[in-house]
């Protein structure tokens, strides 16, 4: 694998992009990490931009926010929560099946030991 020579390339985002990301993350019911994930940026970067807007370092005309964008982020959050719950339920069911099958194996007549040696007729 080739080594990179020189400094790492840093992606530059436009002021409009930063302000839009901050505006999306300010919506009620929307988490910063969800907005960051949907925009393919690190949550720390979005938090930094939010702080810069609060401090007045990052200012400009806010682009119009489409109601469907905020609704889509809320829906994404709901779907992720449902997915996590379903994963937990799936894991619990797998453990229950394994437990039941182990218990069935222990109680089956072929695996019980009677204490008497096996005699053939």
PDB file of N, CA and C in Angstrom:
ATOM      1  N   UNK A   1       0.844  -1.178   0.000  1.00  0.00           N
ATOM      2  CA  UNK A   1       0.000   0.000   0.000  1.00  0.00           C
ATOM      3  C   UNK A   1       0.888   1.239   0.000  1.00  0.00           C
ATOM      4  N   UNK A   2       0.547   2.182  -0.832  1.00  0.00           N
ATOM      5  CA  UNK A   2       1.351   3.392  -0.958  1.00  0.00           C
ATOM      6  C   UNK A   2       1.111   4.306   0.239  1.00  0.00           C
ATOM      7  N   UNK A   3       2.204   4.918   0.687  1.00  0.00           N
ATOM      8  CA  UNK A   3       2.090   5.860   1.798  1.00  0.00           C
ATOM      9  C   UNK A   3       1.773   7.238   1.248  1.00  0.00           C
ATOM     10  N   UNK A   4       0.997   7.956   2.022  1.00  0.00           N
ATOM     11  CA  UNK A   4       0.632   9.309   1.624  1.00  0.00           C
ATOM     12  C   UNK A   4       1.795  10.236   1.967  1.00  0.00           C
ATOM     13  N   UNK A   5       2.185  11.026   1.037  1.00  0.00           N
ATOM     14  CA  UNK A   5       3.253  11.990   1.260  1.00  0.00           C
ATOM     15  C   UNK A   5       2.609  13.362   1.394  1.00  0.00           C
ATOM     16  N   UNK A   6       2.950  14.061   2.435  1.00  0.00           N
ATOM     17  CA  UNK A   6       2.395  15.395   2.662  1.00  0.00           C
ATOM     18  C   UNK A   6       1.201  15.336   3.595  1.00  0.00           C
ATOM     19  N   UNK A   7       0.613  16.485   3.844  1.00  0.00           N
ATOM     20  CA  UNK A   7      -0.507  16.529   4.784  1.00  0.00           C
ATOM     21  C   UNK A   7      -1.754  15.868   4.202  1.00  0.00           C
ATOM     22  N   UNK A   8      -2.614  15.403   5.101  1.00  0.00           N
ATOM     23  CA  UNK A   8      -3.861  14.778   4.668  1.00  0.00           C
ATOM     24  C   UNK A   8      -4.765  15.835   4.060  1.00  0.00           C
ATOM     25  N   UNK A   9      -5.537  15.418   3.072  1.00  0.00           N
ATOM     26  CA  UNK A   9      -6.450  16.346   2.410  1.00  0.00           C
ATOM     27  C   UNK A   9      -7.643  16.589   3.326  1.00  0.00           C
ATOM     28  N   UNK A  10      -7.962  17.854   3.540  1.00  0.00           N
ATOM     29  CA  UNK A  10      -9.069  18.232   4.402  1.00  0.00           C
ATOM     30  C   UNK A  10     -10.193  18.752   3.522  1.00  0.00           C
ATOM     31  N   UNK A  11     -11.376  18.194   3.719  1.00  0.00           N
ATOM     32  CA  UNK A  11     -12.518  18.611   2.916  1.00  0.00           C
ATOM     33  C   UNK A  11     -13.028  19.951   3.420  1.00  0.00           C
ATOM     34  N   UNK A  12     -13.269  20.857   2.505  1.00  0.00           N
ATOM     35  CA  UNK A  12     -13.797  22.179   2.831  1.00  0.00           C
ATOM     36  C   UNK A  12     -15.297  22.191   2.520  1.00  0.00           C
ATOM     37  N   UNK A  13     -16.082  22.679   3.464  1.00  0.00           N
ATOM     38  CA  UNK A  13     -17.523  22.759   3.285  1.00  0.00           C
ATOM     39  C   UNK A  13     -17.923  24.223   3.096  1.00  0.00           C
ATOM     40  N   UNK A  14     -18.931  24.433   2.292  1.00  0.00           N
ATOM     41  CA  UNK A  14     -19.394  25.796   2.031  1.00  0.00           C
ATOM     42  C   UNK A  14     -20.140  26.334   3.249  1.00  0.00           C
ATOM     43  N   UNK A  15     -20.222  27.637   3.327  1.00  0.00           N
ATOM     44  CA  UNK A  15     -20.944  28.291   4.412  1.00  0.00           C
ATOM     45  C   UNK A  15     -22.408  27.870   4.402  1.00  0.00           C
ATOM     46  N   UNK A  16     -22.986  27.775   3.214  1.00  0.00           N
ATOM     47  CA  UNK A  16     -24.385  27.360   3.092  1.00  0.00           C
ATOM     48  C   UNK A  16     -24.590  25.950   3.653  1.00  0.00           C
ATOM     49  N   UNK A  17     -23.668  25.038   3.341  1.00  0.00           N
ATOM     50  CA  UNK A  17     -23.756  23.667   3.837  1.00  0.00           C
ATOM     51  C   UNK A  17     -23.701  23.645   5.361  1.00  0.00           C
ATOM     52  N   UNK A  18     -22.769  24.390   5.935  1.00  0.00           N
ATOM     53  CA  UNK A  18     -22.612  24.430   7.390  1.00  0.00           C
ATOM     54  C   UNK A  18     -23.871  24.985   8.059  1.00  0.00           C
ATOM     55  N   UNK A  19     -24.387  26.082   7.518  1.00  0.00           N
ATOM     56  CA  UNK A  19     -25.584  26.686   8.107  1.00  0.00           C
ATOM     57  C   UNK A  19     -26.798  25.772   7.985  1.00  0.00           C
ATOM     58  N   UNK A  20     -26.906  25.088   6.866  1.00  0.00           N
ATOM     59  CA  UNK A  20     -28.018  24.144   6.665  1.00  0.00           C
ATOM     60  C   UNK A  20     -27.915  22.994   7.661  1.00  0.00           C
ATOM     61  N   UNK A  21     -26.705  22.489   7.870  1.00  0.00           N
ATOM     62  CA  UNK A  21     -26.499  21.401   8.830  1.00  0.00           C
ATOM     63  C   UNK A  21     -26.865  21.848  10.245  1.00  0.00           C
ATOM     64  N   UNK A  22     -26.460  23.055  10.610  1.00  0.00           N
ATOM     65  CA  UNK A  22     -26.782  23.585  11.933  1.00  0.00           C
ATOM     66  C   UNK A  22     -28.289  23.760  12.072  1.00  0.00           C
ATOM     67  N   UNK A  23     -28.909  24.271  11.037  1.00  0.00           N
ATOM     68  CA  UNK A  23     -30.359  24.484  11.072  1.00  0.00           C
ATOM     69  C   UNK A  23     -31.104  23.159  11.216  1.00  0.00           C
ATOM     70  N   UNK A  24     -30.657  22.132  10.512  1.00  0.00           N
ATOM     71  CA  UNK A  24     -31.282  20.813  10.634  1.00  0.00           C
ATOM     72  C   UNK A  24     -31.112  20.248  12.038  1.00  0.00           C
ATOM     73  N   UNK A  25     -29.934  20.447  12.614  1.00  0.00           N
ATOM     74  CA  UNK A  25     -29.665  19.884  13.939  1.00  0.00           C
ATOM     75  C   UNK A  25     -30.399  20.633  15.043  1.00  0.00           C
ATOM     76  N   UNK A  26     -30.894  21.850  14.760  1.00  0.00           N
ATOM     77  CA  UNK A  26     -31.635  22.624  15.751  1.00  0.00           C
ATOM     78  C   UNK A  26     -33.115  22.253  15.823  1.00  0.00           C
ATOM     79  N   UNK A  27     -33.563  21.405  14.921  1.00  0.00           N
ATOM     80  CA  UNK A  27     -34.968  21.003  14.912  1.00  0.00           C
ATOM     81  C   UNK A  27     -35.277  20.130  16.126  1.00  0.00           C
ATOM     82  N   UNK A  28     -36.496  20.280  16.659  1.00  0.00           N
ATOM     83  CA  UNK A  28     -36.877  19.471  17.815  1.00  0.00           C
ATOM     84  C   UNK A  28     -37.053  18.008  17.395  1.00  0.00           C
ATOM     85  N   UNK A  29     -36.623  17.119  18.247  1.00  0.00           N
ATOM     86  CA  UNK A  29     -36.731  15.689  17.971  1.00  0.00           C
ATOM     87  C   UNK A  29     -35.655  15.145  17.056  1.00  0.00           C
ATOM     88  N   UNK A  30     -34.683  15.959  16.723  1.00  0.00           N
ATOM     89  CA  UNK A  30     -33.605  15.544  15.823  1.00  0.00           C
ATOM     90  C   UNK A  30     -32.296  15.587  16.600  1.00  0.00           C
ATOM     91  N   UNK A  31     -31.524  14.515  16.529  1.00  0.00           N
ATOM     92  CA  UNK A  31     -30.246  14.442  17.229  1.00  0.00           C
ATOM     93  C   UNK A  31     -29.106  14.882  16.316  1.00  0.00           C
ATOM     94  N   UNK A  32     -28.097  15.485  16.939  1.00  0.00           N
ATOM     95  CA  UNK A  32     -26.916  15.947  16.190  1.00  0.00           C
ATOM     96  C   UNK A  32     -26.272  14.784  15.456  1.00  0.00           C
ATOM     97  N   UNK A  33     -26.157  13.641  16.124  1.00  0.00           N
ATOM     98  CA  UNK A  33     -25.490  12.498  15.490  1.00  0.00           C
ATOM     99  C   UNK A  33     -26.254  11.996  14.271  1.00  0.00           C
ATOM    100  N   UNK A  34     -27.592  12.094  14.298  1.00  0.00           N
ATOM    101  CA  UNK A  34     -28.382  11.668  13.145  1.00  0.00           C
ATOM    102  C   UNK A  34     -28.172  12.600  11.956  1.00  0.00           C
ATOM    103  N   UNK A  35     -28.136  13.897  12.227  1.00  0.00           N
ATOM    104  CA  UNK A  35     -27.896  14.866  11.152  1.00  0.00           C
ATOM    105  C   UNK A  35     -26.499  14.651  10.577  1.00  0.00           C
ATOM    106  N   UNK A  36     -25.518  14.504  11.460  1.00  0.00           N
ATOM    107  CA  UNK A  36     -24.142  14.302  11.010  1.00  0.00           C
ATOM    108  C   UNK A  36     -24.025  13.038  10.167  1.00  0.00           C
ATOM    109  N   UNK A  37     -24.654  11.974  10.622  1.00  0.00           N
ATOM    110  CA  UNK A  37     -24.589  10.715   9.885  1.00  0.00           C
ATOM    111  C   UNK A  37     -25.248  10.852   8.508  1.00  0.00           C
ATOM    112  N   UNK A  38     -26.385  11.531   8.457  1.00  0.00           N
ATOM    113  CA  UNK A  38     -27.076  11.674   7.174  1.00  0.00           C
ATOM    114  C   UNK A  38     -26.300  12.561   6.203  1.00  0.00           C
ATOM    115  N   UNK A  39     -25.466  13.473   6.733  1.00  0.00           N
ATOM    116  CA  UNK A  39     -24.658  14.345   5.878  1.00  0.00           C
ATOM    117  C   UNK A  39     -23.235  13.825   5.658  1.00  0.00           C
ATOM    118  N   UNK A  40     -22.943  12.659   6.235  1.00  0.00           N
ATOM    119  CA  UNK A  40     -21.622  12.029   6.107  1.00  0.00           C
ATOM    120  C   UNK A  40     -20.509  12.921   6.663  1.00  0.00           C
ATOM    121  N   UNK A  41     -20.757  13.504   7.827  1.00  0.00           N
ATOM    122  CA  UNK A  41     -19.742  14.287   8.520  1.00  0.00           C
ATOM    123  C   UNK A  41     -19.647  13.773   9.946  1.00  0.00           C
ATOM    124  N   UNK A  42     -18.577  14.097  10.623  1.00  0.00           N
ATOM    125  CA  UNK A  42     -18.382  13.667  12.003  1.00  0.00           C
ATOM    126  C   UNK A  42     -19.244  14.536  12.919  1.00  0.00           C
ATOM    127  N   UNK A  43     -19.886  13.937  13.929  1.00  0.00           N
ATOM    128  CA  UNK A  43     -20.719  14.719  14.850  1.00  0.00           C
ATOM    129  C   UNK A  43     -19.961  15.849  15.537  1.00  0.00           C
ATOM    130  N   UNK A  44     -18.663  15.645  15.787  1.00  0.00           N
ATOM    131  CA  UNK A  44     -17.864  16.699  16.421  1.00  0.00           C
ATOM    132  C   UNK A  44     -17.804  17.939  15.531  1.00  0.00           C
ATOM    133  N   UNK A  45     -17.700  17.720  14.223  1.00  0.00           N
ATOM    134  CA  UNK A  45     -17.629  18.842  13.294  1.00  0.00           C
ATOM    135  C   UNK A  45     -18.928  19.639  13.326  1.00  0.00           C
ATOM    136  N   UNK A  46     -20.048  18.930  13.352  1.00  0.00           N
ATOM    137  CA  UNK A  46     -21.340  19.611  13.410  1.00  0.00           C
ATOM    138  C   UNK A  46     -21.495  20.366  14.736  1.00  0.00           C
ATOM    139  N   UNK A  47     -21.046  19.776  15.824  1.00  0.00           N
ATOM    140  CA  UNK A  47     -21.104  20.462  17.120  1.00  0.00           C
ATOM    141  C   UNK A  47     -20.244  21.721  17.110  1.00  0.00           C
ATOM    142  N   UNK A  48     -19.105  21.627  16.443  1.00  0.00           N
ATOM    143  CA  UNK A  48     -18.220  22.792  16.318  1.00  0.00           C
ATOM    144  C   UNK A  48     -18.917  23.910  15.540  1.00  0.00           C
ATOM    145  N   UNK A  49     -19.584  23.553  14.452  1.00  0.00           N
ATOM    146  CA  UNK A  49     -20.301  24.544  13.661  1.00  0.00           C
ATOM    147  C   UNK A  49     -21.436  25.163  14.472  1.00  0.00           C
ATOM    148  N   UNK A  50     -22.124  24.347  15.274  1.00  0.00           N
ATOM    149  CA  UNK A  50     -23.211  24.867  16.113  1.00  0.00           C
ATOM    150  C   UNK A  50     -22.668  25.903  17.098  1.00  0.00           C
ATOM    151  N   UNK A  51     -21.504  25.608  17.674  1.00  0.00           N
ATOM    152  CA  UNK A  51     -20.882  26.541  18.616  1.00  0.00           C
ATOM    153  C   UNK A  51     -20.481  27.826  17.892  1.00  0.00           C
ATOM    154  N   UNK A  52     -19.924  27.686  16.695  1.00  0.00           N
ATOM    155  CA  UNK A  52     -19.523  28.863  15.923  1.00  0.00           C
ATOM    156  C   UNK A  52     -20.726  29.743  15.588  1.00  0.00           C
ATOM    157  N   UNK A  53     -21.868  29.150  15.305  1.00  0.00           N
ATOM    158  CA  UNK A  53     -23.079  29.929  15.034  1.00  0.00           C
ATOM    159  C   UNK A  53     -23.528  30.647  16.304  1.00  0.00           C
ATOM    160  N   UNK A  54     -23.506  29.930  17.440  1.00  0.00           N
ATOM    161  CA  UNK A  54     -23.896  30.558  18.716  1.00  0.00           C
ATOM    162  C   UNK A  54     -22.987  31.723  19.065  1.00  0.00           C
ATOM    163  N   UNK A  55     -21.685  31.558  18.802  1.00  0.00           N
ATOM    164  CA  UNK A  55     -20.711  32.599  19.136  1.00  0.00           C
ATOM    165  C   UNK A  55     -20.657  33.714  18.090  1.00  0.00           C
ATOM    166  N   UNK A  56     -21.353  33.543  16.984  1.00  0.00           N
ATOM    167  CA  UNK A  56     -21.372  34.568  15.941  1.00  0.00           C
ATOM    168  C   UNK A  56     -20.206  34.479  14.981  1.00  0.00           C
ATOM    169  N   UNK A  57     -19.376  33.449  15.099  1.00  0.00           N
ATOM    170  CA  UNK A  57     -18.239  33.277  14.195  1.00  0.00           C
ATOM    171  C   UNK A  57     -18.685  32.798  12.813  1.00  0.00           C
ATOM    172  N   UNK A  58     -19.797  32.122  12.776  1.00  0.00           N
ATOM    173  CA  UNK A  58     -20.321  31.559  11.537  1.00  0.00           C
ATOM    174  C   UNK A  58     -21.703  32.183  11.334  1.00  0.00           C
ATOM    175  N   UNK A  59     -21.815  33.076  10.389  1.00  0.00           N
ATOM    176  CA  UNK A  59     -23.088  33.774  10.190  1.00  0.00           C
ATOM    177  C   UNK A  59     -23.368  33.907   8.711  1.00  0.00           C
ATOM    178  N   UNK A  60     -24.607  34.052   8.407  1.00  0.00           N
ATOM    179  CA  UNK A  60     -25.021  34.220   7.023  1.00  0.00           C
ATOM    180  C   UNK A  60     -26.514  34.045   6.924  1.00  0.00           C
ATOM    181  N   UNK A  61     -27.034  34.172   5.723  1.00  0.00           N
ATOM    182  CA  UNK A  61     -28.460  33.958   5.498  1.00  0.00           C
ATOM    183  C   UNK A  61     -28.745  32.469   5.579  1.00  0.00           C
ATOM    184  N   UNK A  62     -29.669  32.118   6.460  1.00  0.00           N
ATOM    185  CA  UNK A  62     -30.029  30.711   6.590  1.00  0.00           C
ATOM    186  C   UNK A  62     -30.884  30.282   5.412  1.00  0.00           C
ATOM    187  N   UNK A  63     -30.530  29.172   4.797  1.00  0.00           N
ATOM    188  CA  UNK A  63     -31.337  28.684   3.685  1.00  0.00           C
ATOM    189  C   UNK A  63     -32.707  28.228   4.203  1.00  0.00           C
ATOM    190  N   UNK A  64     -33.700  28.265   3.341  1.00  0.00           N
ATOM    191  CA  UNK A  64     -35.047  27.841   3.731  1.00  0.00           C
ATOM    192  C   UNK A  64     -35.022  26.353   4.048  1.00  0.00           C
ATOM    193  N   UNK A  65     -35.601  26.010   5.180  1.00  0.00           N
ATOM    194  CA  UNK A  65     -35.636  24.615   5.611  1.00  0.00           C
ATOM    195  C   UNK A  65     -36.922  23.966   5.116  1.00  0.00           C
ATOM    196  N   UNK A  66     -36.766  22.899   4.402  1.00  0.00           N
ATOM    197  CA  UNK A  66     -37.917  22.159   3.913  1.00  0.00           C
ATOM    198  C   UNK A  66     -38.484  21.332   5.069  1.00  0.00           C
ATOM    199  N   UNK A  67     -39.789  21.372   5.296  1.00  0.00           N
ATOM    200  CA  UNK A  67     -40.366  20.592   6.397  1.00  0.00           C
ATOM    201  C   UNK A  67     -40.125  19.100   6.219  1.00  0.00           C
ATOM    202  N   UNK A  68     -40.032  18.646   4.990  1.00  0.00           N
ATOM    203  CA  UNK A  68     -39.814  17.220   4.752  1.00  0.00           C
ATOM    204  C   UNK A  68     -38.422  16.778   5.208  1.00  0.00           C
ATOM    205  N   UNK A  69     -37.442  17.667   5.202  1.00  0.00           N
ATOM    206  CA  UNK A  69     -36.090  17.309   5.644  1.00  0.00           C
ATOM    207  C   UNK A  69     -36.073  16.980   7.129  1.00  0.00           C
ATOM    208  N   UNK A  70     -36.704  17.837   7.934  1.00  0.00           N
ATOM    209  CA  UNK A  70     -36.763  17.587   9.373  1.00  0.00           C
ATOM    210  C   UNK A  70     -37.587  16.341   9.662  1.00  0.00           C
ATOM    211  N   UNK A  71     -38.686  16.172   8.946  1.00  0.00           N
ATOM    212  CA  UNK A  71     -39.531  14.991   9.134  1.00  0.00           C
ATOM    213  C   UNK A  71     -38.772  13.720   8.756  1.00  0.00           C
ATOM    214  N   UNK A  72     -37.966  13.817   7.719  1.00  0.00           N
ATOM    215  CA  UNK A  72     -37.182  12.661   7.276  1.00  0.00           C
ATOM    216  C   UNK A  72     -36.144  12.268   8.330  1.00  0.00           C
ATOM    217  N   UNK A  73     -35.523  13.259   8.957  1.00  0.00           N
ATOM    218  CA  UNK A  73     -34.555  12.967  10.008  1.00  0.00           C
ATOM    219  C   UNK A  73     -35.234  12.343  11.227  1.00  0.00           C
ATOM    220  N   UNK A  74     -36.422  12.848  11.579  1.00  0.00           N
ATOM    221  CA  UNK A  74     -37.162  12.253  12.696  1.00  0.00           C
ATOM    222  C   UNK A  74     -37.527  10.809  12.382  1.00  0.00           C
ATOM    223  N   UNK A  75     -37.966  10.570  11.154  1.00  0.00           N
ATOM    224  CA  UNK A  75     -38.335   9.213  10.731  1.00  0.00           C
ATOM    225  C   UNK A  75     -37.116   8.287  10.757  1.00  0.00           C
ATOM    226  N   UNK A  76     -35.983   8.799  10.333  1.00  0.00           N
ATOM    227  CA  UNK A  76     -34.750   8.018  10.384  1.00  0.00           C
ATOM    228  C   UNK A  76     -34.448   7.597  11.815  1.00  0.00           C
ATOM    229  N   UNK A  77     -34.605   8.515  12.755  1.00  0.00           N
ATOM    230  CA  UNK A  77     -34.355   8.221  14.171  1.00  0.00           C
ATOM    231  C   UNK A  77     -35.311   7.135  14.666  1.00  0.00           C
ATOM    232  N   UNK A  78     -36.583   7.238  14.308  1.00  0.00           N
ATOM    233  CA  UNK A  78     -37.566   6.235  14.717  1.00  0.00           C
ATOM    234  C   UNK A  78     -37.216   4.853  14.154  1.00  0.00           C
ATOM    235  N   UNK A  79     -36.841   4.821  12.891  1.00  0.00           N
ATOM    236  CA  UNK A  79     -36.491   3.546  12.250  1.00  0.00           C
ATOM    237  C   UNK A  79     -35.261   2.933  12.917  1.00  0.00           C
ATOM    238  N   UNK A  80     -34.272   3.760  13.252  1.00  0.00           N
ATOM    239  CA  UNK A  80     -33.083   3.248  13.934  1.00  0.00           C
ATOM    240  C   UNK A  80     -33.435   2.680  15.298  1.00  0.00           C
ATOM    241  N   UNK A  81     -34.327   3.347  16.042  1.00  0.00           N
ATOM    242  CA  UNK A  81     -34.741   2.836  17.347  1.00  0.00           C
ATOM    243  C   UNK A  81     -35.478   1.513  17.199  1.00  0.00           C
ATOM    244  N   UNK A  82     -36.357   1.405  16.203  1.00  0.00           N
ATOM    245  CA  UNK A  82     -37.065   0.153  15.960  1.00  0.00           C
ATOM    246  C   UNK A  82     -36.096  -0.961  15.577  1.00  0.00           C
ATOM    247  N   UNK A  83     -35.107  -0.625  14.771  1.00  0.00           N
ATOM    248  CA  UNK A  83     -34.117  -1.610  14.352  1.00  0.00           C
ATOM    249  C   UNK A  83     -33.338  -2.143  15.552  1.00  0.00           C
ATOM    250  N   UNK A  84     -32.918  -1.232  16.462  1.00  0.00           N
ATOM    251  CA  UNK A  84     -32.192  -1.664  17.658  1.00  0.00           C
ATOM    252  C   UNK A  84     -33.054  -2.573  18.521  1.00  0.00           C
ATOM    253  N   UNK A  85     -34.347  -2.207  18.663  1.00  0.00           N
ATOM    254  CA  UNK A  85     -35.243  -3.034  19.462  1.00  0.00           C
ATOM    255  C   UNK A  85     -35.401  -4.417  18.836  1.00  0.00           C
ATOM    256  N   UNK A  86     -35.566  -4.477  17.520  1.00  0.00           N
ATOM    257  CA  UNK A  86     -35.703  -5.755  16.828  1.00  0.00           C
ATOM    258  C   UNK A  86     -34.431  -6.597  16.938  1.00  0.00           C
ATOM    259  N   UNK A  87     -33.273  -5.947  16.896  1.00  0.00           N
ATOM    260  CA  UNK A  87     -32.020  -6.684  17.079  1.00  0.00           C
ATOM    261  C   UNK A  87     -31.960  -7.308  18.466  1.00  0.00           C
ATOM    262  N   UNK A  88     -32.359  -6.543  19.483  1.00  0.00           N
ATOM    263  CA  UNK A  88     -32.358  -7.080  20.850  1.00  0.00           C
ATOM    264  C   UNK A  88     -33.333  -8.246  20.963  1.00  0.00           C
ATOM    265  N   UNK A  89     -34.522  -8.107  20.396  1.00  0.00           N
ATOM    266  CA  UNK A  89     -35.493  -9.194  20.430  1.00  0.00           C
ATOM    267  C   UNK A  89     -34.952 -10.425  19.718  1.00  0.00           C
ATOM    268  N   UNK A  90     -34.299 -10.227  18.601  1.00  0.00           N
ATOM    269  CA  UNK A  90     -33.720 -11.338  17.846  1.00  0.00           C
ATOM    270  C   UNK A  90     -32.665 -12.059  18.682  1.00  0.00           C
ATOM    271  N   UNK A  91     -31.807 -11.309  19.342  1.00  0.00           N
ATOM    272  CA  UNK A  91     -30.776 -11.908  20.187  1.00  0.00           C
ATOM    273  C   UNK A  91     -31.395 -12.696  21.335  1.00  0.00           C
ATOM    274  N   UNK A  92     -32.445 -12.145  21.935  1.00  0.00           N
ATOM    275  CA  UNK A  92     -33.119 -12.841  23.033  1.00  0.00           C
ATOM    276  C   UNK A  92     -33.737 -14.140  22.538  1.00  0.00           C
ATOM    277  N   UNK A  93     -34.366 -14.110  21.379  1.00  0.00           N
ATOM    278  CA  UNK A  93     -34.964 -15.326  20.823  1.00  0.00           C
ATOM    279  C   UNK A  93     -33.899 -16.381  20.493  1.00  0.00           C
ATOM    280  N   UNK A  94     -32.767 -15.954  19.955  1.00  0.00           N
ATOM    281  CA  UNK A  94     -31.690 -16.905  19.678  1.00  0.00           C
ATOM    282  C   UNK A  94     -31.216 -17.573  20.953  1.00  0.00           C
ATOM    283  N   UNK A  95     -31.072 -16.793  22.029  1.00  0.00           N
ATOM    284  CA  UNK A  95     -30.640 -17.355  23.306  1.00  0.00           C
ATOM    285  C   UNK A  95     -31.688 -18.312  23.864  1.00  0.00           C
ATOM    286  N   UNK A  96     -32.970 -17.961  23.720  1.00  0.00           N
ATOM    287  CA  UNK A  96     -34.046 -18.819  24.211  1.00  0.00           C
ATOM    288  C   UNK A  96     -34.071 -20.142  23.451  1.00  0.00           C
ATOM    289  N   UNK A  97     -33.882 -20.097  22.153  1.00  0.00           N
ATOM    290  CA  UNK A  97     -33.852 -21.324  21.353  1.00  0.00           C
ATOM    291  C   UNK A  97     -32.676 -22.189  21.761  1.00  0.00           C
ATOM    292  N   UNK A  98     -31.522 -21.581  21.937  1.00  0.00           N
ATOM    293  CA  UNK A  98     -30.335 -22.328  22.349  1.00  0.00           C
ATOM    294  C   UNK A  98     -30.548 -22.956  23.728  1.00  0.00           C
ATOM    295  N   UNK A  99     -31.117 -22.194  24.652  1.00  0.00           N
ATOM    296  CA  UNK A  99     -31.378 -22.686  26.005  1.00  0.00           C
ATOM    297  C   UNK A  99     -32.346 -23.860  25.968  1.00  0.00           C
ATOM    298  N   UNK A 100     -33.441 -23.723  25.189  1.00  0.00           N
ATOM    299  CA  UNK A 100     -34.442 -24.787  25.107  1.00  0.00           C
ATOM    300  C   UNK A 100     -33.861 -26.040  24.465  1.00  0.00           C
ATOM    301  N   UNK A 101     -33.047 -25.876  23.447  1.00  0.00           N
ATOM    302  CA  UNK A 101     -32.483 -27.060  22.791  1.00  0.00           C
ATOM    303  C   UNK A 101     -31.461 -27.752  23.683  1.00  0.00           C
ATOM    304  N   UNK A 102     -30.696 -27.001  24.465  1.00  0.00           N
ATOM    305  CA  UNK A 102     -29.752 -27.614  25.405  1.00  0.00           C
ATOM    306  C   UNK A 102     -30.505 -28.358  26.498  1.00  0.00           C
ATOM    307  N   UNK A 103     -31.563 -27.779  26.951  1.00  0.00           N
ATOM    308  CA  UNK A 103     -32.364 -28.409  27.999  1.00  0.00           C
ATOM    309  C   UNK A 103     -33.019 -29.682  27.480  1.00  0.00           C
ATOM    310  N   UNK A 104     -33.481 -29.656  26.232  1.00  0.00           N
ATOM    311  CA  UNK A 104     -34.107 -30.826  25.620  1.00  0.00           C
ATOM    312  C   UNK A 104     -33.086 -31.946  25.465  1.00  0.00           C
ATOM    313  N   UNK A 105     -31.853 -31.586  25.094  1.00  0.00           N
ATOM    314  CA  UNK A 105     -30.797 -32.590  24.937  1.00  0.00           C
ATOM    315  C   UNK A 105     -30.488 -33.261  26.272  1.00  0.00           C
ATOM    316  N   UNK A 106     -30.486 -32.500  27.351  1.00  0.00           N
ATOM    317  CA  UNK A 106     -30.182 -33.054  28.668  1.00  0.00           C
ATOM    318  C   UNK A 106     -31.277 -33.978  29.164  1.00  0.00           C
ATOM    319  N   UNK A 107     -32.527 -33.707  28.801  1.00  0.00           N
ATOM    320  CA  UNK A 107     -33.631 -34.505  29.322  1.00  0.00           C
ATOM    321  C   UNK A 107     -34.049 -35.637  28.391  1.00  0.00           C
ATOM    322  N   UNK A 108     -33.404 -35.810  27.261  1.00  0.00           N
ATOM    323  CA  UNK A 108     -33.791 -36.879  26.336  1.00  0.00           C
ATOM    324  C   UNK A 108     -33.346 -38.223  26.895  1.00  0.00           C
ATOM    325  N   UNK A 109     -34.133 -39.290  26.650  1.00  0.00           N
ATOM    326  CA  UNK A 109     -33.824 -40.618  27.214  1.00  0.00           C
ATOM    327  C   UNK A 109     -32.480 -41.160  26.749  1.00  0.00           C
ATOM    328  N   UNK A 110     -32.041 -40.843  25.570  1.00  0.00           N
ATOM    329  CA  UNK A 110     -30.791 -41.391  25.060  1.00  0.00           C
ATOM    330  C   UNK A 110     -29.583 -40.813  25.791  1.00  0.00           C
ATOM    331  N   UNK A 111     -29.730 -39.661  26.365  1.00  0.00           N
ATOM    332  CA  UNK A 111     -28.580 -39.061  27.016  1.00  0.00           C
ATOM    333  C   UNK A 111     -28.590 -39.293  28.526  1.00  0.00           C
ATOM    334  N   UNK A 112     -29.678 -39.848  29.058  1.00  0.00           N
ATOM    335  CA  UNK A 112     -29.723 -40.132  30.491  1.00  0.00           C
ATOM    336  C   UNK A 112     -28.873 -41.348  30.803  1.00  0.00           C
ATOM    337  N   UNK A 113     -28.256 -41.313  31.924  1.00  0.00           N
ATOM    338  CA  UNK A 113     -27.492 -42.475  32.354  1.00  0.00           C
ATOM    339  C   UNK A 113     -28.269 -43.163  33.465  1.00  0.00           C
ATOM    340  N   UNK A 114     -28.494 -44.458  33.295  1.00  0.00           N
ATOM    341  CA  UNK A 114     -29.300 -45.200  34.264  1.00  0.00           C
ATOM    342  C   UNK A 114     -28.439 -45.795  35.359  1.00  0.00           C
ATOM    343  N   UNK A 115     -27.172 -45.769  35.192  1.00  0.00           N
ATOM    344  CA  UNK A 115     -26.291 -46.366  36.192  1.00  0.00           C
ATOM    345  C   UNK A 115     -26.032 -47.838  35.937  1.00  0.00           C
ATOM    346  N   UNK A 116     -26.753 -48.476  35.031  1.00  0.00           N
ATOM    347  CA  UNK A 116     -26.557 -49.894  34.715  1.00  0.00           C
ATOM    348  C   UNK A 116     -25.776 -50.002  33.420  1.00  0.00           C
ATOM    349  N   UNK A 117     -24.868 -50.920  33.342  1.00  0.00           N
ATOM    350  CA  UNK A 117     -24.129 -51.103  32.089  1.00  0.00           C
ATOM    351  C   UNK A 117     -25.047 -51.582  30.974  1.00  0.00           C
ATOM    352  N   UNK A 118     -24.729 -51.230  29.786  1.00  0.00           N
ATOM    353  CA  UNK A 118     -25.508 -51.616  28.619  1.00  0.00           C
ATOM    354  C   UNK A 118     -25.240 -53.068  28.304  1.00  0.00           C
ATOM    355  N   UNK A 119     -26.301 -53.876  28.149  1.00  0.00           N
ATOM    356  CA  UNK A 119     -26.159 -55.286  27.776  1.00  0.00           C
ATOM    357  C   UNK A 119     -26.886 -55.559  26.482  1.00  0.00           C
ATOM    358  N   UNK A 120     -26.244 -56.232  25.616  1.00  0.00           N
ATOM    359  CA  UNK A 120     -26.918 -56.608  24.360  1.00  0.00           C
ATOM    360  C   UNK A 120     -27.521 -57.975  24.535  1.00  0.00           C
ATOM    361  N   UNK A 121     -28.619 -58.291  23.847  1.00  0.00           N
ATOM    362  CA  UNK A 121     -29.320 -59.576  23.957  1.00  0.00           C
ATOM    363  C   UNK A 121     -28.932 -60.513  22.888  1.00  0.00           C
TER     364      UNK A 121
END
